[in-house]
Protein backbone atom coordinates (compact mmCIF):
# COMPACT_ATOMS: atom_id res chain seq x y z
CA MET A 1 10.53 -30.20 18.84
CA SER A 2 9.16 -27.63 16.81
CA GLU A 3 11.56 -25.28 14.65
CA LYS A 4 11.24 -21.67 15.79
CA LYS A 5 12.13 -19.18 13.61
CA ILE A 6 12.36 -15.57 13.65
CA MET A 7 10.15 -13.34 11.30
CA LEU A 8 8.70 -10.25 10.27
CA GLY A 9 4.68 -9.67 10.29
CA ASN A 10 4.67 -10.17 6.92
CA GLU A 11 6.74 -13.28 6.49
CA ALA A 12 4.81 -15.13 9.54
CA ILE A 13 1.11 -13.86 8.00
CA ALA A 14 2.99 -16.04 4.13
CA ARG A 15 4.23 -18.85 6.38
CA GLY A 16 0.07 -19.15 7.75
CA ALA A 17 -0.93 -19.24 4.39
CA TRP A 18 0.89 -22.14 3.01
CA GLU A 19 0.59 -23.88 6.34
CA ALA A 20 -3.24 -23.64 5.79
CA GLY A 21 -2.76 -25.19 2.65
CA VAL A 22 -3.49 -21.91 -0.06
CA LYS A 23 -2.80 -22.25 -3.43
CA VAL A 24 -3.50 -18.89 -5.22
CA SER A 25 -2.17 -15.99 -3.91
CA SER A 26 -2.49 -12.49 -6.28
CA ALA A 27 -1.51 -9.20 -4.37
CA TYR A 28 -0.75 -5.74 -5.89
CA PRO A 29 2.34 -4.74 -3.94
CA GLY A 30 1.85 -1.79 -1.43
CA THR A 31 3.77 -0.84 1.93
CA PRO A 32 3.15 -2.47 4.86
CA SER A 33 1.64 -5.14 3.00
CA THR A 34 4.30 -5.82 -0.06
CA GLU A 35 6.70 -8.76 1.42
CA ILE A 36 3.83 -11.16 2.14
CA SER A 37 3.83 -11.58 -1.63
CA GLU A 38 7.35 -11.59 -1.94
CA ASN A 39 7.40 -14.06 0.37
CA ILE A 40 5.09 -16.37 -0.46
CA VAL A 41 6.43 -17.24 -3.58
CA LYS A 42 9.24 -18.86 -1.53
CA TYR A 43 6.70 -21.96 -1.43
CA CYS A 44 6.16 -22.48 -5.18
CA PRO A 45 5.47 -24.91 -6.30
CA ASP A 46 3.50 -25.64 -3.81
CA LEU A 47 0.74 -22.05 -5.12
CA TYR A 48 1.04 -20.07 -7.41
CA CYS A 49 1.36 -16.16 -7.12
CA GLU A 50 1.15 -13.36 -8.74
CA TRP A 51 0.73 -9.77 -9.02
CA ALA A 52 -2.05 -7.93 -10.12
CA PRO A 53 -2.47 -4.98 -11.72
CA ASN A 54 -4.30 -3.38 -9.54
CA GLU A 55 -5.76 -4.74 -6.03
CA LYS A 56 -9.40 -5.38 -7.89
CA VAL A 57 -7.91 -7.58 -10.34
CA ALA A 58 -6.07 -9.26 -7.30
CA MET A 59 -8.98 -9.59 -5.19
CA GLU A 60 -11.28 -10.83 -8.10
CA VAL A 61 -8.75 -13.70 -8.88
CA ALA A 62 -8.93 -15.06 -5.43
CA ILE A 63 -12.24 -14.95 -5.58
CA GLY A 64 -12.18 -17.26 -9.08
CA ALA A 65 -10.22 -19.16 -6.69
CA SER A 66 -12.73 -19.60 -4.49
CA MET A 67 -15.32 -20.81 -6.17
CA ALA A 68 -13.01 -22.90 -8.03
CA GLY A 69 -12.71 -24.58 -4.26
CA VAL A 70 -9.18 -24.18 -3.51
CA ARG A 71 -8.12 -21.77 -0.34
CA SER A 72 -6.87 -18.16 -1.66
CA LEU A 73 -5.26 -15.24 -0.75
CA VAL A 74 -5.40 -11.55 -1.81
CA SER A 75 -3.39 -9.07 -0.08
CA MET A 76 -3.25 -5.18 0.38
CA LYS A 77 -2.40 -2.28 2.23
CA HIS A 78 -4.96 -0.22 3.10
CA VAL A 79 -5.86 2.08 0.52
CA GLY A 80 -5.90 -0.95 -1.77
CA VAL A 81 -8.92 -2.04 -0.17
CA ASN A 82 -10.72 1.08 -1.28
CA VAL A 83 -9.79 -0.42 -5.13
CA ALA A 84 -11.05 -3.74 -4.06
CA SER A 85 -14.27 -2.70 -2.35
CA ASP A 86 -16.46 -3.45 -5.81
CA PRO A 87 -15.59 -7.12 -5.86
CA LEU A 88 -15.72 -7.35 -1.69
CA TYR A 89 -18.95 -5.81 -0.68
CA THR A 90 -20.76 -8.25 -3.11
CA VAL A 91 -18.57 -11.91 -2.33
CA SER A 92 -19.34 -11.39 0.73
CA TYR A 93 -23.29 -12.10 0.24
CA ILE A 94 -21.40 -14.98 -1.95
CA GLY A 95 -19.79 -16.69 0.31
CA VAL A 96 -16.99 -18.85 -0.22
CA SER A 97 -15.70 -22.36 -1.49
CA GLY A 98 -12.71 -22.70 -1.06
CA GLY A 99 -11.43 -20.31 1.68
CA LEU A 100 -10.97 -16.94 1.20
CA VAL A 101 -8.75 -14.55 2.78
CA MET A 102 -7.92 -10.92 2.30
CA VAL A 103 -5.38 -9.46 4.22
CA ALA A 104 -5.28 -5.48 4.98
CA ALA A 105 -2.22 -3.98 5.64
CA ASP A 106 -3.22 -0.41 7.61
CA ASP A 107 -0.73 2.19 8.60
CA PRO A 108 -1.13 4.23 11.89
CA GLY A 109 0.89 6.71 11.63
CA MET A 110 1.02 6.92 7.26
CA TYR A 111 4.43 5.98 7.36
CA SER A 112 4.15 5.63 3.44
CA SER A 113 0.54 6.82 3.13
CA GLN A 114 -1.41 9.55 1.57
CA ASN A 115 -4.47 9.17 4.21
CA GLU A 116 -4.35 6.71 7.47
CA GLN A 117 -8.57 5.15 7.11
CA ASP A 118 -9.21 2.20 9.60
CA SER A 119 -9.69 -0.80 7.34
CA ARG A 120 -12.27 -2.47 10.14
CA MET A 121 -15.23 0.01 9.00
CA VAL A 122 -14.61 -0.87 5.31
CA ALA A 123 -15.52 -4.60 6.35
CA ARG A 124 -17.96 -3.80 8.49
CA ALA A 125 -20.06 -1.54 5.81
CA ALA A 126 -19.09 -4.88 3.83
CA MET A 127 -20.31 -7.12 6.77
CA VAL A 128 -16.76 -8.68 6.09
CA PRO A 129 -15.23 -10.53 9.67
CA VAL A 130 -12.31 -9.42 10.42
CA LEU A 131 -9.34 -10.88 12.85
CA GLU A 132 -6.51 -8.70 14.17
CA PRO A 133 -3.71 -10.85 15.04
CA SER A 134 -0.71 -8.81 17.74
CA ASP A 135 2.47 -10.61 17.13
CA SER A 136 4.09 -12.67 14.51
CA GLN A 137 3.09 -15.98 15.71
CA GLU A 138 -0.31 -14.83 16.04
CA ALA A 139 -0.46 -13.30 12.12
CA LYS A 140 0.64 -17.09 11.57
CA ASP A 141 -1.92 -18.59 13.20
CA PHE A 142 -4.60 -16.14 12.58
CA ILE A 143 -4.51 -16.67 8.87
CA LYS A 144 -4.91 -20.77 8.93
CA LEU A 145 -7.70 -19.78 11.68
CA ALA A 146 -9.26 -17.62 9.04
CA TYR A 147 -9.32 -20.30 6.62
CA ASP A 148 -11.34 -22.24 8.84
CA LEU A 149 -14.08 -19.60 9.88
CA SER A 150 -14.29 -18.82 6.39
CA GLU A 151 -15.31 -21.71 5.37
CA LYS A 152 -17.31 -22.96 8.60
CA TYR A 153 -19.33 -20.01 8.59
CA ASP A 154 -19.30 -19.35 4.40
CA THR A 155 -17.69 -15.73 4.32
CA PRO A 156 -14.59 -14.30 3.04
CA ILE A 157 -12.38 -13.46 6.04
CA MET A 158 -10.34 -10.10 6.44
CA VAL A 159 -7.60 -10.20 8.44
CA ARG A 160 -5.72 -6.65 9.37
CA THR A 161 -2.56 -5.93 10.16
CA THR A 162 -0.74 -2.46 10.54
CA THR A 163 2.67 -1.21 9.57
CA ARG A 164 4.12 -2.41 13.31
CA LEU A 165 3.05 -6.06 12.80
CA ALA A 166 3.73 -6.22 9.09
CA HIS A 167 7.28 -4.90 10.17
CA SER A 168 7.71 -6.13 13.62
CA GLN A 169 9.54 -9.48 14.05
CA GLY A 170 8.91 -12.39 16.38
CA ILE A 171 9.36 -15.74 17.20
CA VAL A 172 7.17 -18.06 15.21
CA THR A 173 6.69 -21.84 15.27
CA LEU A 174 6.89 -23.50 11.86
CA GLU A 175 3.96 -26.32 10.99
CA ASP A 176 4.06 -28.84 8.16
CA ARG A 177 2.08 -27.36 5.18
CA LYS A 178 -2.12 -28.53 5.75
CA ASN A 179 -2.87 -31.21 2.91
CA VAL A 180 -6.87 -29.44 2.42
CA GLU A 181 -8.72 -31.21 -0.33
CA ASP A 182 -10.25 -29.33 -2.94
CA LYS A 183 -14.02 -28.53 -2.70
CA VAL A 184 -16.04 -30.20 -5.80
CA TYR A 185 -17.11 -27.39 -8.16
CA GLU A 186 -21.40 -27.70 -7.76
CA ARG A 187 -23.09 -24.44 -9.71
CA ASP A 188 -25.29 -22.43 -7.87
CA ILE A 189 -26.94 -19.74 -9.94
CA ALA A 190 -29.08 -18.26 -6.89
CA LYS A 191 -25.08 -18.29 -4.42
CA ARG A 192 -22.98 -17.01 -6.95
CA VAL A 193 -24.91 -14.42 -9.62
CA MET A 194 -25.70 -11.45 -8.01
CA MET A 195 -28.39 -10.09 -9.80
CA PRO A 196 -31.09 -8.61 -7.55
CA GLY A 197 -33.54 -11.33 -7.11
CA ASN A 198 -30.66 -13.46 -5.44
CA ALA A 199 -28.96 -10.49 -3.65
CA ILE A 200 -32.06 -9.88 -1.89
CA LYS A 201 -32.21 -13.72 -0.01
CA ARG A 202 -28.51 -13.80 -0.22
CA HIS A 203 -28.47 -10.94 2.19
CA LEU A 204 -30.79 -12.61 4.78
CA VAL A 205 -27.68 -14.98 4.61
CA VAL A 206 -25.15 -12.68 5.61
CA GLU A 207 -27.28 -11.33 8.48
CA LYS A 208 -27.83 -14.54 10.00
CA ARG A 209 -23.92 -15.43 9.50
CA LEU A 210 -23.04 -12.84 11.36
CA LYS A 211 -25.01 -13.33 14.22
CA ASP A 212 -24.55 -16.97 14.70
CA MET A 213 -20.56 -15.50 14.18
CA ALA A 214 -21.01 -13.37 17.13
CA ASN A 215 -22.57 -15.45 19.18
CA ASP A 216 -19.76 -18.43 19.05
CA ALA A 217 -17.18 -15.98 19.36
CA SER A 218 -17.64 -15.48 22.84
CA SER A 219 -16.35 -18.86 22.71
CA PHE A 220 -13.25 -18.65 21.21
CA ALA A 221 -9.95 -19.29 21.98
CA ILE A 222 -8.78 -15.85 20.05
CA ASN A 223 -10.83 -13.68 22.43
CA LYS A 224 -9.02 -14.13 25.55
CA VAL A 225 -9.55 -12.65 29.27
CA GLU A 226 -6.81 -11.78 31.65
CA TYR A 227 -8.09 -10.81 35.13
CA ASN A 228 -5.59 -9.12 37.12
CA ASP A 229 -6.50 -6.50 39.31
CA THR A 230 -10.46 -5.55 38.39
CA LYS A 231 -9.84 -1.96 39.47
CA ILE A 232 -8.88 -1.09 35.68
CA GLY A 233 -10.17 -3.12 32.68
CA VAL A 234 -9.21 -2.66 28.83
CA ILE A 235 -10.67 -4.29 25.84
CA THR A 236 -7.83 -4.14 22.77
CA SER A 237 -6.86 -5.64 20.19
CA GLY A 238 -4.04 -6.10 17.56
CA ILE A 239 -0.45 -4.49 18.79
CA PRO A 240 -2.27 -1.71 21.34
CA TYR A 241 -2.34 -5.54 23.27
CA GLN A 242 1.00 -4.99 23.21
CA TYR A 243 1.15 -1.46 24.55
CA VAL A 244 -1.49 -2.19 27.17
CA LYS A 245 0.14 -5.05 28.89
CA GLU A 246 3.68 -3.07 29.49
CA ALA A 247 2.00 0.25 30.57
CA LEU A 248 -0.61 -2.05 32.46
CA PRO A 249 0.79 -4.97 33.79
CA THR A 250 -1.96 -5.90 36.62
CA ALA A 251 -4.84 -4.36 34.49
CA SER A 252 -6.91 -7.04 33.49
CA VAL A 253 -7.72 -7.54 29.84
CA LEU A 254 -10.04 -8.62 27.51
CA LYS A 255 -7.81 -9.23 24.12
CA LEU A 256 -10.25 -9.13 20.98
CA GLY A 257 -8.64 -11.80 18.14
CA LEU A 258 -12.16 -11.40 15.93
CA VAL A 259 -13.12 -7.60 16.51
CA HIS A 260 -15.75 -8.10 13.59
CA PRO A 261 -18.70 -9.68 14.98
CA LEU A 262 -17.82 -8.27 18.67
CA PRO A 263 -18.17 -11.44 21.44
CA ARG A 264 -20.91 -9.53 22.48
CA LYS A 265 -21.51 -11.83 25.61
CA LEU A 266 -17.49 -12.01 26.66
CA ILE A 267 -17.52 -7.63 26.46
CA GLU A 268 -20.38 -7.79 28.65
CA GLU A 269 -19.67 -10.50 31.67
CA PHE A 270 -16.09 -8.50 30.99
CA ALA A 271 -17.32 -4.88 31.57
CA SER A 272 -19.66 -6.13 34.61
CA LYS A 273 -16.13 -7.00 36.88
CA VAL A 274 -14.46 -4.55 36.41
CA ASP A 275 -14.45 -1.25 37.99
CA THR A 276 -13.28 1.17 35.24
CA LEU A 277 -13.53 0.06 31.77
CA TYR A 278 -11.32 1.74 29.33
CA ILE A 279 -10.83 0.76 25.23
CA VAL A 280 -7.35 1.16 23.67
CA GLU A 281 -8.01 1.35 19.38
CA GLU A 282 -5.89 2.62 17.39
CA LEU A 283 -7.08 4.76 14.64
CA GLU A 284 -11.26 4.94 14.81
CA PRO A 285 -13.65 4.25 17.26
CA VAL A 286 -15.12 0.59 15.65
CA ILE A 287 -15.21 -1.20 19.40
CA GLU A 288 -15.50 1.07 21.41
CA GLU A 289 -19.09 2.48 19.10
CA GLN A 290 -20.96 -0.34 19.47
CA VAL A 291 -19.39 -1.05 22.72
CA LYS A 292 -21.15 2.45 23.97
CA SER A 293 -24.14 1.56 21.91
CA TRP A 294 -24.92 -1.63 23.79
CA GLY A 295 -25.46 0.74 27.17
CA ILE A 296 -21.59 -0.31 28.71
CA LYS A 297 -19.98 2.41 30.30
CA CYS A 298 -16.20 2.53 29.06
CA ILE A 299 -13.66 5.73 28.24
CA GLY A 300 -11.96 5.55 24.65
CA LYS A 301 -11.48 8.49 22.58
CA GLU A 302 -12.25 11.10 24.89
CA ILE A 303 -8.46 10.13 25.96
CA PHE A 304 -7.49 8.76 23.32
CA THR A 305 -6.50 10.15 20.03
CA VAL A 306 -7.86 8.67 16.61
CA GLN A 307 -4.22 9.42 14.92
CA GLY A 308 -1.63 7.99 14.23
CA GLU A 309 -0.55 5.09 15.90
CA TYR A 310 0.14 4.21 19.98
CA SER A 311 3.24 3.68 22.07
CA ALA A 312 2.97 2.15 25.68
CA ASN A 313 3.99 5.59 26.94
CA MET A 314 1.27 7.28 25.52
CA VAL A 315 -1.42 4.93 26.84
CA ALA A 316 -0.17 5.25 30.59
CA LYS A 317 0.32 8.99 30.73
CA ALA A 318 -3.64 8.36 29.18
CA ILE A 319 -4.89 6.28 32.09
CA LEU A 320 -2.49 6.67 34.18
CA GLY A 321 -1.82 10.26 34.14
CA LYS A 322 2.34 9.64 34.03
CA GLY A 323 4.62 7.93 31.45
CA ILE A 324 6.52 4.65 31.68
CA GLU A 325 10.10 6.15 30.18
CA SER A 326 11.99 7.46 32.22
CA ASP A 327 14.30 8.75 29.58
CA ALA A 328 13.59 10.48 26.56
CA PRO A 329 14.15 7.97 23.35
CA ALA A 330 17.23 8.99 20.91
CA GLN A 331 16.20 10.41 18.04
CA ALA A 332 17.42 9.43 14.92
CA PRO A 333 18.20 11.86 11.84
CA ALA A 334 15.85 13.55 10.39
CA ARG A 335 15.85 11.63 6.61
CA PRO A 336 14.13 14.53 4.16
CA PRO A 337 12.12 13.24 1.96
CA ILE A 338 13.97 13.70 -1.68
CA LEU A 339 14.56 11.27 -5.07
CA CYS A 340 17.31 8.97 -5.19
CA PRO A 341 20.70 10.40 -6.98
CA GLY A 342 20.72 9.45 -10.53
CA CYS A 343 16.53 9.38 -10.54
CA PRO A 344 15.02 9.49 -13.74
CA HIS A 345 11.78 11.74 -12.41
CA ARG A 346 14.62 13.90 -11.42
CA ALA A 347 15.71 14.92 -15.22
CA THR A 348 12.42 14.97 -15.81
CA PHE A 349 11.00 17.27 -13.44
CA SER A 350 14.20 19.53 -13.50
CA LEU A 351 12.74 19.96 -17.14
CA LEU A 352 9.09 20.84 -16.46
CA LYS A 353 10.51 23.79 -13.76
CA LYS A 354 12.91 25.26 -15.98
CA LEU A 355 9.57 25.15 -18.28
CA LYS A 356 7.11 26.74 -15.73
CA ILE A 357 5.21 23.95 -16.02
CA HIS A 358 2.31 22.45 -13.68
CA ALA A 359 1.95 18.59 -12.85
CA ALA A 360 -1.32 16.93 -11.65
CA GLY A 361 0.96 14.06 -9.92
CA ASP A 362 0.40 10.19 -8.99
CA ILE A 363 1.02 8.06 -6.57
CA GLY A 364 4.94 6.90 -6.58
CA CYS A 365 8.36 7.56 -5.98
CA TYR A 366 7.72 10.55 -8.05
CA THR A 367 4.96 12.10 -6.25
CA LEU A 368 8.43 14.26 -4.48
CA GLY A 369 8.34 16.33 -7.33
CA ALA A 370 6.28 18.40 -4.96
CA VAL A 371 8.72 19.38 -2.42
CA ALA A 372 11.81 21.59 -3.00
CA PRO A 373 13.81 22.20 -4.78
CA LEU A 374 11.96 20.77 -7.72
CA SER A 375 8.11 21.70 -6.64
CA VAL A 376 6.22 21.10 -10.13
CA ILE A 377 3.60 18.96 -8.54
CA ASP A 378 0.74 20.82 -7.41
CA THR A 379 -1.93 17.91 -6.53
CA THR A 380 -1.91 13.64 -5.93
CA VAL A 381 -4.96 12.39 -4.73
CA CYS A 382 -4.71 8.59 -5.64
CA MET A 383 -3.41 6.16 -8.15
CA GLY A 384 -4.06 6.98 -11.49
CA SER A 385 -5.96 10.50 -10.04
CA SER A 386 -3.80 12.47 -12.32
CA ILE A 387 -5.06 11.89 -15.57
CA SER A 388 -8.51 12.20 -14.66
CA THR A 389 -7.53 15.38 -12.51
CA LEU A 390 -6.07 16.92 -15.53
CA HIS A 391 -9.55 16.45 -17.76
CA GLY A 392 -11.25 17.45 -15.11
CA MET A 393 -9.74 20.67 -14.85
CA GLU A 394 -9.51 21.24 -18.56
CA LYS A 395 -13.57 20.72 -18.98
CA ALA A 396 -13.65 22.56 -15.82
CA LYS A 397 -11.86 26.11 -17.39
CA GLY A 398 -11.05 25.23 -21.12
CA LYS A 399 -7.96 24.08 -23.41
CA ASP A 400 -6.23 27.36 -22.72
CA TYR A 401 -6.25 26.16 -18.61
CA ILE A 402 -4.29 23.76 -19.08
CA LYS A 403 -1.66 24.92 -21.86
CA ASN A 404 1.08 24.78 -18.81
CA TRP A 405 0.16 21.87 -16.87
CA VAL A 406 0.19 17.75 -17.91
CA ALA A 407 0.21 15.08 -15.85
CA VAL A 408 2.72 12.43 -14.92
CA ILE A 409 2.11 8.89 -14.04
CA GLY A 410 4.66 6.11 -13.25
CA ASP A 411 4.67 3.08 -15.33
CA SER A 412 2.97 0.60 -13.06
CA THR A 413 0.15 2.92 -11.84
CA PHE A 414 -0.74 3.62 -15.53
CA LEU A 415 -1.06 0.13 -15.70
CA HIS A 416 -3.03 -0.18 -11.65
CA THR A 417 -5.51 2.59 -12.51
CA GLY A 418 -3.97 5.10 -14.98
CA VAL A 419 -5.26 3.41 -18.21
CA ASN A 420 -8.87 4.01 -17.59
CA SER A 421 -8.08 7.77 -16.78
CA LEU A 422 -6.42 7.87 -20.55
CA MET A 423 -9.47 6.14 -21.88
CA ASN A 424 -12.21 8.81 -20.25
CA MET A 425 -10.03 11.19 -22.19
CA VAL A 426 -10.09 10.03 -25.24
CA TYR A 427 -13.71 9.14 -25.89
CA ASN A 428 -14.39 12.74 -24.35
CA GLN A 429 -11.57 14.34 -26.23
CA SER A 430 -9.28 15.77 -23.74
CA THR A 431 -6.35 17.98 -25.45
CA ALA A 432 -4.14 17.73 -22.15
CA THR A 433 -0.34 16.00 -22.05
CA VAL A 434 0.64 12.97 -20.06
CA MET A 435 3.93 11.65 -19.09
CA ILE A 436 4.05 8.58 -18.08
CA LEU A 437 7.10 8.16 -15.83
CA ASP A 438 8.58 4.58 -17.28
CA ASN A 439 11.62 3.57 -15.06
CA SER A 440 9.95 0.11 -15.39
CA THR A 441 9.23 -1.03 -12.20
CA THR A 442 7.33 -1.09 -9.38
CA GLY A 443 9.65 2.10 -7.57
CA MET A 444 8.10 3.36 -4.08
CA THR A 445 7.67 -0.36 -2.98
CA GLY A 446 11.00 -2.29 -3.44
CA HIS A 447 10.89 -2.58 -7.18
CA GLN A 448 8.36 -5.36 -7.99
CA ASP A 449 7.89 -6.52 -11.58
CA HIS A 450 4.65 -5.32 -13.05
CA ALA A 451 2.93 -6.31 -16.50
CA ALA A 452 5.24 -3.90 -19.00
CA THR A 453 8.61 -5.68 -17.32
CA GLY A 454 8.71 -8.76 -18.88
CA LYS A 455 8.38 -11.32 -15.66
CA THR A 456 6.06 -12.56 -13.01
CA LEU A 457 6.08 -13.02 -9.36
CA MET A 458 7.60 -15.72 -9.84
CA GLY A 459 10.68 -15.31 -12.05
CA GLN A 460 9.04 -16.25 -15.05
CA SER A 461 9.60 -14.10 -18.54
CA VAL A 462 6.52 -13.26 -20.83
CA LYS A 463 6.04 -10.81 -22.82
CA PRO A 464 5.24 -7.28 -21.89
CA ILE A 465 2.90 -4.77 -21.89
CA LEU A 466 4.18 -1.76 -24.80
CA LEU A 467 2.90 1.55 -23.40
CA ASP A 468 3.20 2.82 -26.76
CA GLU A 469 1.10 0.29 -28.38
CA LEU A 470 -1.30 0.63 -25.24
CA CYS A 471 -1.48 3.85 -25.72
CA LYS A 472 -2.11 4.01 -29.49
CA GLY A 473 -4.44 0.81 -28.95
CA MET A 474 -6.69 2.88 -27.06
CA GLY A 475 -7.22 5.87 -30.08
CA VAL A 476 -4.15 8.35 -28.96
CA LYS A 477 -2.84 9.28 -32.50
CA ASN A 478 0.59 11.37 -30.77
CA VAL A 479 2.56 9.09 -28.75
CA THR A 480 6.22 10.00 -28.12
CA VAL A 481 8.76 8.08 -25.92
CA VAL A 482 11.53 9.15 -25.07
CA ASP A 483 14.72 9.21 -22.90
CA VAL A 484 14.92 11.47 -20.24
CA TYR A 485 18.36 11.77 -20.19
CA ASP A 486 18.32 13.18 -23.23
CA GLN A 487 17.34 16.25 -22.63
CA GLU A 488 17.55 18.51 -25.29
CA LYS A 489 14.73 15.96 -27.15
CA LEU A 490 12.73 15.62 -23.73
CA GLU A 491 12.23 19.96 -23.93
CA LYS A 492 11.22 19.65 -28.01
CA VAL A 493 9.42 17.17 -27.19
CA ILE A 494 7.20 18.64 -23.95
CA LYS A 495 7.03 21.93 -25.65
CA GLU A 496 5.41 20.37 -28.98
CA GLU A 497 3.16 18.27 -26.96
CA ILE A 498 1.84 20.79 -24.45
CA ALA A 499 1.06 22.60 -27.69
CA LYS A 500 -1.39 21.05 -29.41
CA ASP A 501 -5.05 20.59 -30.06
CA GLU A 502 -5.12 17.00 -29.12
CA LEU A 503 -4.64 14.53 -26.44
CA SER A 504 -0.45 13.27 -26.27
CA VAL A 505 1.39 10.82 -24.79
CA ILE A 506 4.97 11.04 -23.61
CA ILE A 507 6.72 8.40 -22.29
CA ALA A 508 10.05 9.09 -20.33
CA GLN A 509 11.91 6.43 -20.12
CA SER A 510 14.81 5.34 -17.77
CA PRO A 511 15.32 2.60 -15.50
CA CYS A 512 15.32 2.87 -12.04
CA ALA A 513 18.66 3.88 -11.11
CA LEU A 514 18.24 1.12 -7.57
CA LEU A 515 17.13 -1.72 -9.70
CA LYS A 516 19.51 -4.50 -9.70
CA SER A 517 20.10 -4.78 -13.76
CA TYR A 518 21.05 -1.04 -13.65
CA VAL A 519 24.06 -0.42 -15.12
CA PRO A 520 25.55 3.37 -14.32
CA LYS A 521 27.60 4.91 -16.63
CA GLY A 522 30.23 6.35 -14.96
CA LYS A 523 30.81 8.30 -12.33
CA CYS A 524 30.75 12.39 -12.92
CA ILE A 525 33.43 14.58 -12.02
CA THR A 526 33.77 18.15 -11.19
CA LEU A 527 36.90 20.52 -12.91
CA PRO A 528 36.86 23.51 -10.60
CA GLU A 529 38.73 25.48 -12.67
CA LYS A 530 36.05 26.19 -15.54
CA CYS A 531 33.39 26.16 -12.77
CA LYS A 532 31.20 29.36 -12.60
CA LYS A 533 29.39 29.05 -9.36
CA CYS A 534 26.54 29.64 -11.57
CA GLY A 535 24.82 27.38 -9.48
CA MET A 536 22.79 25.47 -12.49
CA CYS A 537 23.78 22.29 -11.66
CA LEU A 538 22.03 22.52 -8.19
CA ALA A 539 19.42 23.49 -9.17
CA PRO A 540 17.78 19.59 -9.66
CA GLY A 541 18.69 19.04 -6.03
CA CYS A 542 20.31 15.58 -6.29
CA PRO A 543 21.93 14.73 -3.28
CA ALA A 544 25.24 13.03 -4.31
CA ILE A 545 26.09 17.48 -5.24
CA THR A 546 26.93 19.73 -3.16
CA LYS A 547 28.15 23.70 -3.34
CA LYS A 548 31.48 24.39 -1.33
CA GLU A 549 32.28 26.97 0.78
CA ASP A 550 34.46 28.90 -1.99
CA GLY A 551 30.92 28.36 -4.46
CA THR A 552 31.98 25.52 -6.96
CA VAL A 553 30.80 22.26 -6.34
CA ALA A 554 31.72 18.82 -5.23
CA ILE A 555 29.93 15.24 -6.22
CA ASP A 556 30.27 12.75 -3.43
CA ASP A 557 31.50 9.43 -5.96
CA THR A 558 29.84 7.39 -3.72
CA MET A 559 26.53 8.09 -4.03
CA CYS A 560 26.61 9.26 -8.08
CA ASN A 561 26.31 6.56 -10.70
CA GLY A 562 27.00 8.88 -14.24
CA CYS A 563 22.98 9.75 -14.62
CA GLY A 564 25.21 13.31 -16.19
CA LEU A 565 21.81 15.46 -15.40
CA CYS A 566 24.26 17.56 -13.85
CA MET A 567 26.79 17.31 -16.97
CA GLN A 568 24.04 18.74 -19.27
CA ARG A 569 22.74 21.33 -17.26
CA CYS A 570 26.21 22.94 -17.17
CA LYS A 571 26.53 25.23 -19.73
CA PHE A 572 30.21 26.20 -18.94
CA GLY A 573 31.61 22.08 -19.17
CA ALA A 574 33.02 21.77 -15.88
CA ILE A 575 31.45 18.63 -15.35
CA GLU A 576 32.67 15.44 -17.17
CA ARG A 577 31.28 11.88 -17.20
CA VAL A 578 34.51 9.30 -16.44
CA SER A 579 34.40 5.57 -16.39
CA LYS A 580 34.95 3.86 -12.68
C-alpha cells in the first residue's frame, strides 16, 4: 500500500519535483512560494537547490540546467514572474532539453503582495503552457506531468498556484523518485541562440506547438468533465473548483487542469450540453474572454469580481442568489501591521522621524515604516525601486529637493535589484543618501539566507558578500557602517551624509530579533519613580511597551528582548536594561 501524507501545497510541489527526477532547483524567496524551496532542500543530495539573488537569475539557472540535459525547477511569487519575464519570453522560443518547469504563485487577496496580477496572462503573452492544480495531490501530480509535457512539446511549462493552494493541506500519495536519464547535449545554434534570424524561425515553431497542444488537450486526463444536472454548467480550474463543488454539488463541471492553451473542442462539447454556462476563475477573465471569443455564450465577470479570493458562499450567492452558510464565520481578532519588538528597522525609522526625513521605501518588513506611529516611508513600488525612485526625484527637482530624503532598502532586497539602481546613481552622478537596512536575513518571507549571510540554502558556509565593499567597488566614496542601536552615532551619520553634495550609503546594521542565532541583550524594565510621563519611549511604537492609566509606562517582559531603544529615548533614566 502506498504511503500517504498530509502536505501543504508547496510541500507537495517539492515532493512532485523530487519524484519527477528534478536535479536542479533555483528560486528567490517570496510568499506564497517560499516553502517550495524550503521543502525541496530536504531531498538533497538527490538534487541541487539554491537561493538565487533574484528571480531572473533563478530562471536563467534553471534554463542552463535544462540546456545541459537535466530536469530543472524555478519557483517564485507572481511579482517575481515580472523580474523573470525577460528570460521567460525567450526560453519559450528556445524550448528545452531536460524538462523545465516554472512555479508561479499568485496572491489573490494580496495577503503579502503589492499587487494582484494574474500570472496566466503573462504566460499567454509569453506563449508558455499553464497547468493549474486544485489541491495538494494535484500539486504533486501536475508537477510530474509538467515535466513530461515540457519534454514532449519542447517547451517550458508554468504551474500556477495561489496562496490558498500553497498554504492549505491535503492528503498526498507518495511515490518513488523517477530515474530520468540526462539528455545528451547537442550543439544547436539555430535553436539556442536567439538572434533575429533564428528567433523568427523559432516563433513559427512555438505557434505550431501551442496549436498541437490545444488539439491534444481535449483528451488530457487533467481536463475532467463531471456531468450532473445540465441546467447549470461551470467551467473552472484550480482552487475555485473546490468552491464550485461545495456551492453547486449538483451542477455539471468542466475542471480544467491545462488553462493555456485551452482545449477548445472539449469546451465546445461541454457548452453544447448545458443550459446555462458559467465560468468561475479568480482574478482576470483569462478563460472567459477566450471562450466568448469563440462565440460561446457564457456568464463570468458580469456576476463575479476580478478582485480578491473567491469562496463557496460567494459562488452560491452569485449563481443561485443565496448563500450556503447559515451562520456568519467567526471573526479573528484584528492584527495591526507592526514591526516586531526589537526590530532594528524601528530604531532607524524612529530617528528618521525625529529628524523629519522622508524615505523612499522598498519591499520588505521595513515597508511597515509607512504606517503610524513611524509614518516615515512615502513611496513603495517594487523590489529595488527605492533607490531608483529617489534618483528620479533628484533628477526631476534638483539636489536641494532631496536634502530631507533617503532611500531605504533591506540587505536581501539590495542584492535582489538594488545593486543596479545604486550603479545607476553612481553613473549618473546622484547626490542622494541610500540606507541599507542590514538585518542579516531575508526577513519578510521567513528568514532565508542570501549572498551576504554566508550560508546557502543547502547549509554550506561560504564567503559572504560584504555590502560595504560592494558599494565601494561600484564607486561610492562615502560608505558608513553603523550599529542601529548606537542611536547617537547613527543620528550623527545621517545628518552628515544627507548634508553632502555627493552620493553616500549608510549601512545600518543589527540582526533581526527573530533569527535563531540572535542573542537577546536582556530585558528592559521601568523605574516608575523616575518616569516624567513624557511619552518619548512610546514614540517608536514598540508593541512591548504600553502606557498605564497613571501616565507611566509598562514593558511586557514576554515580548521585550532588551534592544534598548526605549531606554535610549528616555532622558530621565526611567528605563534600564537588566540581564535575564
